Amino acid sequence: EDNVFQWVVSKDKVLRALSFPREHEVFKLIHDYQTQIAQRRINIDLRLGKEIFDVLMKEALRDVSASARLIIVPDGPLLRFPFEALVTDIRGGAPKYLLEDYTISYAPSASVLAELMDRKRSETAGQVDLLALGNPIIDVEGATGRPLLEQRRGGARLEPLHFADDEVSSIGRLYQQGGKSSELYVRDKALENVVKSDAN
């Protein structure tokens, strides 16, 4: 109840075990920084991102090599915090962000992460390096054969995302140039069952 604990774990051992009092100033900094990001401010106080990194991540990553893959399992006040936006250095007013050194992903819990990592696909022939979807056509009230221009559900409005088709194609070309396989689905081919069948 009084502390927040942090574990840094590699594939085969615990690298660090740290703790912070729940009243630690870093959690106020996290709140302030996250609020600025959520408000999409042009002039975000980058010093907040640097201070948070120095307290929360600098020591934690001491034995983690640059370019490593970080899988973050957040809890409590960190559940919605964008770790990618942490600032590792500021030179000449220009920030260097955590995501420039590490590939960052998230997991809901350590147990879920372990289960996902242990899962083996029964068939590997159909695996691809990239599955990309963009601008799906969403039916409204059972209507078919027409793109969705807007959908109101609880006040939400969904519209086609401009250039999403082009972005999917561009990313696919990058993978192909690197000798990797890709499957691209846009508009009427970007279907829910495509995602579910790939996940299975």
Foldseek 3Di string as FASTA:
>chain_A
DFKDWDWQADPPGTPDIDIDGPPDCLLVLQVQQVVCVVVVDPDRPLVSLQVNCVPPPPVSCVPPFWAEEEEDADDDSCPPGDQQSRFNDADPNDTDTPVVGYHYHYDPDPVVVVVVVPDDDPDDPPDFPEEEEFAEADDDPPDDDDRDQWDADPRDTDHHDPCRLVVQVVVQVVQVVVVTGYDYYYYHRRDPVVVVVNVD
